Amino acid sequence: MKIKRSLESDILKHFEVSKKGIVVLGPRQAGKTTLINDILAIKGWRTLVLNGDRRGDWWEILMSRELQKYKLLLSGYEALFVDEAQKIPEIGTILKIILDEMTELKVLVTGSSSLDLSSKVSEPLTGRVYTHKLFPISQMELKESTTLFERLENVEERLVFGAYPEIFSLTGMIDKTEYLSNVTDNYLYRDLLEYDGIKNSSKIRDLLKLLAFQIGQEVSISELATSLDLSRDTVNKYIDLLEKSYVVFRLGGYSRNLRKEVSKMDKIYFYDVGIRNTIIGNLNLLSNRNDVGQLWENFLIVERMKKKTYEHKLFNHYFWRLVSGAEIDLVEEEAGNVAGFEFKWGNKPAREPKSWRSTYPNAGFHLVNRDNFSEFVD
């Protein structure tokens, strides 16, 4: 099934009106290379493709920082596509030279993580590129090629196997399981362990397992550090690494500095629940699981994030909890408005906490369940 990515039209429109470059960041296997290749095919540009994972004769030319050599390399091409750019040292400075001096050349760049790429490009390329995030397939994107009935019918599969593009072309559980295991072992861990200073693979694996079992819960860095026999600083460093490589993201506590509101610890969710389930070794169907509520919460939060990001909305996401125990799964701030969302996999009603209404009388409150989740995510 061919799924049109939301970013495709954005990037095509970009090149109609701008000479700035495009940077697309996101997890490995999220479809960045396919997206750019589709755009290049639509435009028909003569394109030089360089892959940071595979060095060629071009490598030393880029490293030379000599404009004349760049012009020789790029002569006759209308576009330059640099894939896995985070693997190329000082790529930001290199691209700055090319963008400044070869203004008619279309420049497209992808990175499977922002471990180094963001810092490498952000400062040298300020004002010279637009940066986009590409997530695994969103419900919003599926809306273009599937019916509401099909999306409702397949939601269980999304909660178990996630939404990496390749998953949609695989049919059996064995094939899906093998694919996710390959992504986790050959890409996720490899990229993390290639980062400077990360030598202990078992600690990264153990940390990911602990985080996977705690989705939907407030995470204590001190407890993680004790369990892993690591310092708090090291645990924080590893989690920061996992965020920058688009494995997990944090949700902070919503607070307007009221003493009764809990805001010191974060919750940590996975960008893809299929990866999360693979890490804990559980790709069972929902009828044989005891973590359906956690998966549903993770799924809805990340799908909402995808939707708002692709719609170019300025938003902030939090959770909310009082010391007394009253809580709301997701708080969304957008355009000066605040809304709380409670997530239920079943059909049980959810009452708005009285403390939420009394503390934030102008805020909305909504229940999201299987009957209405499509309105929330697509």
Protein backbone atom coordinates (compact mmCIF):
# COMPACT_ATOMS: atom_id res chain seq x y z
CA MET A 1 0.00 0.00 0.00
CA LYS A 2 1.38 3.35 -1.08
CA ILE A 3 0.94 5.92 1.68
CA LYS A 4 1.45 9.56 0.75
CA ARG A 5 3.46 11.35 3.41
CA SER A 6 2.16 14.65 4.78
CA LEU A 7 5.53 16.32 4.28
CA GLU A 8 5.58 15.63 0.55
CA SER A 9 3.30 18.53 -0.41
CA ASP A 10 5.03 20.83 2.11
CA ILE A 11 8.45 20.20 0.61
CA LEU A 12 7.20 20.49 -2.98
CA LYS A 13 5.60 23.85 -2.18
CA HIS A 14 8.78 24.94 -0.43
CA PHE A 15 10.89 24.57 -3.57
CA GLU A 16 8.36 26.55 -5.59
CA VAL A 17 8.91 29.67 -3.51
CA SER A 18 12.27 29.30 -1.76
CA LYS A 19 15.92 28.62 -2.49
CA LYS A 20 16.58 27.46 1.05
CA GLY A 21 17.56 23.87 1.69
CA ILE A 22 15.42 21.21 3.34
CA VAL A 23 16.48 19.06 6.30
CA VAL A 24 14.30 16.07 7.26
CA LEU A 25 15.03 14.45 10.62
CA GLY A 26 13.46 11.35 12.12
CA PRO A 27 14.00 7.77 13.23
CA ARG A 28 15.73 5.19 11.10
CA GLN A 29 13.27 3.38 8.81
CA ALA A 30 10.62 6.10 9.17
CA GLY A 31 10.67 6.65 5.40
CA LYS A 32 12.89 9.73 4.98
CA THR A 33 14.85 8.36 2.00
CA THR A 34 11.67 7.17 0.29
CA LEU A 35 10.04 10.57 0.85
CA ILE A 36 12.94 12.47 -0.72
CA ASN A 37 13.24 10.01 -3.61
CA ASP A 38 9.51 10.45 -4.32
CA ILE A 39 9.96 14.23 -4.39
CA LEU A 40 12.97 13.96 -6.70
CA ALA A 41 11.01 11.65 -9.01
CA ILE A 42 8.11 14.12 -9.15
CA LYS A 43 10.41 17.04 -9.94
CA GLY A 44 12.66 15.12 -12.30
CA TRP A 45 15.81 16.95 -11.20
CA ARG A 46 19.24 15.60 -12.12
CA THR A 47 20.40 14.73 -8.62
CA LEU A 48 23.67 13.77 -6.98
CA VAL A 49 22.94 11.40 -4.10
CA LEU A 50 25.46 11.07 -1.27
CA ASN A 51 24.95 8.64 1.61
CA GLY A 52 26.80 9.24 4.87
CA ASP A 53 26.64 5.51 5.61
CA ARG A 54 28.65 4.69 2.48
CA ARG A 55 31.81 6.63 1.69
CA GLY A 56 32.82 7.18 -1.89
CA ASP A 57 35.24 9.28 -3.93
CA TRP A 58 33.12 12.31 -3.02
CA TRP A 59 34.07 12.07 0.67
CA GLU A 60 37.49 13.70 0.39
CA ILE A 61 36.08 16.38 -1.89
CA LEU A 62 33.54 17.39 0.78
CA MET A 63 36.21 17.31 3.46
CA SER A 64 38.41 19.69 1.44
CA ARG A 65 36.09 22.69 2.06
CA GLU A 66 37.19 24.01 -1.33
CA LEU A 67 34.45 25.66 -3.35
CA GLN A 68 36.09 24.91 -6.69
CA LYS A 69 36.11 21.18 -5.92
CA TYR A 70 32.46 21.39 -4.84
CA LYS A 71 31.58 23.02 -8.15
CA LEU A 72 33.36 20.26 -10.07
CA LEU A 73 31.55 17.58 -8.03
CA LEU A 74 28.14 19.18 -8.51
CA SER A 75 28.53 20.37 -12.10
CA GLY A 76 25.54 19.37 -14.23
CA TYR A 77 23.28 18.58 -11.28
CA GLU A 78 20.13 20.43 -10.32
CA ALA A 79 19.83 18.92 -6.85
CA LEU A 80 21.98 17.48 -4.08
CA PHE A 81 20.53 14.83 -1.76
CA VAL A 82 22.62 14.00 1.32
CA ASP A 83 21.22 10.94 3.13
CA GLU A 84 22.24 10.00 6.71
CA ALA A 85 24.05 13.32 6.92
CA GLN A 86 24.86 12.98 10.62
CA LYS A 87 27.62 10.56 9.62
CA ILE A 88 29.52 13.29 7.73
CA PRO A 89 31.82 15.46 9.87
CA GLU A 90 31.05 19.19 9.84
CA ILE A 91 28.22 18.68 7.38
CA GLY A 92 26.64 22.00 8.40
CA THR A 93 29.69 24.01 7.36
CA ILE A 94 29.96 22.07 4.10
CA LEU A 95 26.31 22.71 3.24
CA LYS A 96 26.64 26.38 4.18
CA ILE A 97 29.33 26.82 1.52
CA ILE A 98 27.23 25.03 -1.10
CA LEU A 99 24.01 26.92 -0.29
CA ASP A 100 25.74 30.30 -0.22
CA GLU A 101 27.74 29.87 -3.39
CA MET A 102 25.53 27.62 -5.55
CA THR A 103 22.18 29.27 -5.06
CA GLU A 104 20.36 27.51 -7.93
CA LEU A 105 21.12 24.04 -6.55
CA LYS A 106 18.30 22.34 -4.64
CA VAL A 107 19.68 20.86 -1.39
CA LEU A 108 17.86 18.11 0.50
CA VAL A 109 19.29 16.50 3.63
CA THR A 110 18.11 13.67 5.87
CA GLY A 111 19.34 12.43 9.22
CA SER A 112 18.28 9.37 11.16
CA SER A 113 18.99 11.10 14.42
CA SER A 114 19.78 14.52 15.74
CA LEU A 115 22.62 13.23 17.91
CA ASP A 116 25.04 15.49 16.10
CA LEU A 117 23.13 16.66 13.07
CA SER A 118 21.10 19.36 14.81
CA SER A 119 24.17 21.00 16.27
CA LYS A 120 26.11 20.52 13.06
CA VAL A 121 23.48 22.21 10.95
CA SER A 122 21.63 24.59 13.22
CA GLU A 123 24.37 27.14 13.74
CA PRO A 124 26.06 27.12 10.29
CA LEU A 125 22.74 26.91 8.45
CA THR A 126 20.64 29.37 10.42
CA GLY A 127 18.29 31.01 7.94
CA ARG A 128 19.47 28.75 5.11
CA VAL A 129 17.32 25.64 5.63
CA TYR A 130 13.89 24.56 6.81
CA THR A 131 13.87 21.59 9.15
CA HIS A 132 11.04 19.04 9.24
CA LYS A 133 10.43 15.98 11.40
CA LEU A 134 9.23 12.77 9.78
CA PHE A 135 7.56 10.30 12.12
CA PRO A 136 6.48 6.73 11.45
CA ILE A 137 3.19 6.60 9.51
CA SER A 138 0.47 8.67 11.18
CA GLN A 139 -3.27 8.04 11.37
CA MET A 140 -3.63 11.40 9.66
CA GLU A 141 -1.64 10.09 6.67
CA LEU A 142 -3.60 6.83 6.59
CA LYS A 143 -6.77 8.86 6.25
CA GLU A 144 -5.76 9.66 2.67
CA SER A 145 -5.66 6.02 1.55
CA THR A 146 -7.92 4.08 3.96
CA THR A 147 -11.47 4.29 5.21
CA LEU A 148 -12.42 5.07 8.79
CA PHE A 149 -13.66 1.48 9.12
CA GLU A 150 -10.26 0.13 8.03
CA ARG A 151 -8.42 2.34 10.51
CA LEU A 152 -10.72 1.26 13.33
CA GLU A 153 -10.29 -2.38 12.34
CA ASN A 154 -6.49 -2.09 12.30
CA VAL A 155 -5.97 -0.11 15.52
CA GLU A 156 -5.05 -3.28 17.45
CA GLU A 157 -2.27 -3.98 14.97
CA ARG A 158 -0.96 -0.43 15.40
CA LEU A 159 -0.82 -0.92 19.18
CA VAL A 160 1.18 -4.13 18.81
CA PHE A 161 3.37 -3.63 15.74
CA GLY A 162 3.52 0.14 15.50
CA ALA A 163 3.56 2.20 12.34
CA TYR A 164 6.91 1.95 10.58
CA PRO A 165 6.22 2.08 6.81
CA GLU A 166 7.60 -1.40 6.13
CA ILE A 167 5.14 -2.92 8.63
CA PHE A 168 2.25 -2.04 6.29
CA SER A 169 3.67 -4.20 3.50
CA LEU A 170 4.25 -7.26 5.69
CA THR A 171 1.42 -9.71 6.31
CA GLY A 172 2.33 -12.36 8.88
CA MET A 173 3.23 -11.97 12.55
CA ILE A 174 6.55 -13.72 11.97
CA ASP A 175 7.59 -11.28 9.25
CA LYS A 176 6.54 -8.26 11.30
CA THR A 177 8.36 -9.58 14.37
CA GLU A 178 11.56 -10.24 12.41
CA TYR A 179 11.45 -6.79 10.86
CA LEU A 180 11.03 -4.99 14.19
CA SER A 181 13.78 -7.09 15.77
CA ASN A 182 16.10 -6.17 12.90
CA VAL A 183 15.31 -2.46 13.23
CA THR A 184 15.90 -2.56 16.97
CA ASP A 185 19.15 -4.50 16.87
CA ASN A 186 20.74 -3.27 13.64
CA TYR A 187 19.72 0.37 13.67
CA LEU A 188 18.51 1.59 17.05
CA TYR A 189 21.26 0.08 19.20
CA ARG A 190 23.95 0.50 16.56
CA ASP A 191 23.32 4.22 16.17
CA LEU A 192 23.28 4.76 19.91
CA LEU A 193 26.46 2.81 20.54
CA GLU A 194 28.32 4.62 17.75
CA TYR A 195 27.90 7.85 19.65
CA ASP A 196 31.05 9.02 21.43
CA GLY A 197 31.37 7.82 24.99
CA ILE A 198 28.66 5.14 24.79
CA LYS A 199 30.43 1.84 25.29
CA ASN A 200 28.15 -0.18 27.54
CA SER A 201 25.48 -1.72 25.35
CA SER A 202 23.91 -3.70 28.20
CA LYS A 203 23.16 -0.52 30.16
CA ILE A 204 21.42 1.10 27.19
CA ARG A 205 19.36 -2.05 26.65
CA ASP A 206 18.46 -2.29 30.33
CA LEU A 207 17.51 1.39 30.46
CA LEU A 208 15.24 1.02 27.43
CA LYS A 209 13.52 -1.97 29.04
CA LEU A 210 12.93 -0.07 32.25
CA LEU A 211 11.50 2.89 30.33
CA ALA A 212 9.36 0.57 28.20
CA PHE A 213 7.73 -0.91 31.28
CA GLN A 214 7.07 2.56 32.73
CA ILE A 215 5.21 4.28 29.91
CA GLY A 216 2.38 6.30 31.39
CA GLN A 217 4.14 6.54 34.75
CA GLU A 218 6.29 9.26 36.23
CA VAL A 219 9.92 8.27 35.87
CA SER A 220 12.35 8.68 38.75
CA ILE A 221 15.88 9.24 37.47
CA SER A 222 17.25 8.34 40.90
CA GLU A 223 15.47 4.98 40.86
CA LEU A 224 16.69 4.26 37.33
CA ALA A 225 20.24 5.16 38.35
CA THR A 226 20.06 2.81 41.34
CA SER A 227 18.61 -0.05 39.27
CA LEU A 228 21.28 0.36 36.58
CA ASP A 229 24.16 1.10 38.96
CA LEU A 230 24.83 4.34 37.11
CA SER A 231 25.02 7.96 38.17
CA ARG A 232 22.02 10.27 37.73
CA ASP A 233 24.04 12.33 35.25
CA THR A 234 24.78 9.28 33.13
CA VAL A 235 21.14 8.18 33.11
CA ASN A 236 20.07 11.68 32.10
CA LYS A 237 22.71 11.66 29.37
CA TYR A 238 21.42 8.33 28.03
CA ILE A 239 17.80 9.49 28.05
CA ASP A 240 18.81 12.68 26.27
CA LEU A 241 20.52 10.49 23.69
CA LEU A 242 17.38 8.39 23.27
CA GLU A 243 15.35 11.55 22.74
CA LYS A 244 17.73 12.95 20.16
CA SER A 245 17.71 9.68 18.26
CA TYR A 246 13.88 9.71 18.17
CA VAL A 247 13.36 6.62 20.29
CA VAL A 248 11.58 8.25 23.23
CA PHE A 249 10.23 11.66 24.24
CA ARG A 250 9.46 13.25 27.59
CA LEU A 251 6.22 14.73 28.83
CA GLY A 252 6.56 17.16 31.71
CA GLY A 253 3.98 17.90 34.38
CA TYR A 254 1.62 20.81 33.76
CA SER A 255 1.77 23.36 36.52
CA ARG A 256 1.06 26.99 37.17
CA ASN A 257 3.29 26.88 40.24
CA LEU A 258 0.59 25.62 42.56
CA ARG A 259 2.12 23.71 45.45
CA LYS A 260 -0.37 20.88 45.10
CA GLU A 261 0.54 20.20 41.45
CA VAL A 262 3.17 17.56 40.65
CA SER A 263 5.70 18.69 38.05
CA LYS A 264 9.18 17.53 39.07
CA MET A 265 9.24 14.15 37.31
CA ASP A 266 8.58 13.48 33.63
CA LYS A 267 6.71 10.71 31.88
CA ILE A 268 8.56 9.07 28.99
CA TYR A 269 6.87 7.65 25.90
CA PHE A 270 8.08 5.89 22.74
CA TYR A 271 7.78 7.37 19.26
CA ASP A 272 6.68 3.93 18.06
CA VAL A 273 4.95 1.34 20.25
CA GLY A 274 6.12 -1.47 17.98
CA ILE A 275 9.70 -0.67 18.94
CA ARG A 276 8.64 -0.46 22.59
CA ASN A 277 6.99 -3.90 22.43
CA THR A 278 10.02 -5.38 20.69
CA ILE A 279 12.34 -4.05 23.41
CA ILE A 280 10.37 -5.89 26.11
CA GLY A 281 9.95 -8.97 23.90
CA ASN A 282 6.16 -8.87 23.83
CA LEU A 283 4.41 -8.72 20.47
CA ASN A 284 1.35 -10.63 21.67
CA LEU A 285 -2.10 -9.56 20.58
CA LEU A 286 -4.09 -7.37 22.96
CA SER A 287 -6.17 -10.25 24.32
CA ASN A 288 -2.97 -11.69 25.82
CA ARG A 289 -1.57 -8.49 27.33
CA ASN A 290 -1.92 -6.58 30.58
CA ASP A 291 -0.55 -3.27 29.25
CA VAL A 292 -3.27 -2.28 26.78
CA GLY A 293 -4.05 0.93 28.66
CA GLN A 294 -0.41 2.00 28.54
CA LEU A 295 -0.14 1.23 24.82
CA TRP A 296 -3.35 3.12 24.07
CA GLU A 297 -2.09 6.16 25.98
CA ASN A 298 1.29 6.11 24.22
CA PHE A 299 -0.36 5.62 20.83
CA LEU A 300 -2.78 8.51 21.24
CA ILE A 301 -0.19 10.96 22.56
CA VAL A 302 2.28 10.31 19.76
CA GLU A 303 -0.46 10.37 17.10
CA ARG A 304 -1.66 13.72 18.42
CA MET A 305 1.92 14.99 18.28
CA LYS A 306 2.23 13.85 14.65
CA LYS A 307 -1.03 15.54 13.71
CA LYS A 308 -0.19 18.88 15.33
CA THR A 309 3.35 18.86 13.94
CA TYR A 310 2.24 18.11 10.38
CA GLU A 311 -0.43 20.81 10.64
CA HIS A 312 2.30 23.30 11.61
CA LYS A 313 0.61 24.10 14.92
CA LEU A 314 2.46 25.65 17.84
CA PHE A 315 1.57 23.47 20.81
CA ASN A 316 2.83 22.11 24.11
CA HIS A 317 1.97 18.78 25.67
CA TYR A 318 2.03 17.84 29.36
CA PHE A 319 0.42 15.48 31.85
CA TRP A 320 -1.31 16.78 34.98
CA ARG A 321 -1.47 15.34 38.46
CA LEU A 322 -2.13 16.58 41.97
CA VAL A 323 -0.50 15.29 45.11
CA SER A 324 -3.98 14.05 46.06
CA GLY A 325 -3.92 11.70 43.06
CA ALA A 326 -6.27 13.51 40.66
CA GLU A 327 -4.76 13.34 37.16
CA ILE A 328 -5.26 13.89 33.45
CA ASP A 329 -3.38 11.93 30.80
CA LEU A 330 -2.65 14.79 28.39
CA VAL A 331 -2.84 18.55 28.66
CA GLU A 332 -2.57 20.47 25.41
CA GLU A 333 -1.74 24.16 25.14
CA GLU A 334 -2.37 25.78 21.79
CA ALA A 335 -3.04 29.40 20.82
CA GLY A 336 -3.70 30.39 24.41
CA ASN A 337 -6.21 27.59 24.98
CA VAL A 338 -5.79 24.69 27.40
CA ALA A 339 -7.54 21.33 27.10
CA GLY A 340 -7.27 18.14 29.12
CA PHE A 341 -7.71 14.67 27.59
CA GLU A 342 -8.43 11.40 29.37
CA PHE A 343 -7.76 8.17 27.46
CA LYS A 344 -9.82 4.98 27.91
CA TRP A 345 -9.42 1.80 25.86
CA GLY A 346 -12.79 0.52 27.05
CA ASN A 347 -16.15 2.24 27.13
CA LYS A 348 -16.08 3.34 30.74
CA PRO A 349 -17.04 6.99 31.24
CA ALA A 350 -14.43 9.43 32.52
CA ARG A 351 -15.40 12.19 34.89
CA GLU A 352 -13.63 15.48 34.76
CA PRO A 353 -11.69 15.92 38.02
CA LYS A 354 -13.35 18.62 40.11
CA SER A 355 -9.90 19.93 41.00
CA TRP A 356 -9.12 20.40 37.28
CA ARG A 357 -12.26 22.45 36.76
CA SER A 358 -11.73 24.50 39.91
CA THR A 359 -8.06 25.17 39.13
CA TYR A 360 -8.53 25.83 35.40
CA PRO A 361 -12.17 26.88 34.91
CA ASN A 362 -11.61 27.94 31.30
CA ALA A 363 -9.90 24.71 30.24
CA GLY A 364 -11.64 22.02 28.23
CA PHE A 365 -11.90 18.35 29.16
CA HIS A 366 -12.43 15.47 26.71
CA LEU A 367 -12.64 11.70 26.87
CA VAL A 368 -10.89 9.85 24.03
CA ASN A 369 -11.78 6.19 23.49
CA ARG A 370 -12.08 3.76 20.60
CA ASP A 371 -15.38 5.28 19.53
CA ASN A 372 -14.06 8.77 18.92
CA PHE A 373 -10.25 8.55 18.72
CA SER A 374 -10.19 9.23 14.97
CA GLU A 375 -11.46 12.75 15.64
CA PHE A 376 -8.51 13.24 18.01
CA VAL A 377 -5.71 11.93 15.78
CA ASP A 378 -6.71 12.54 12.16
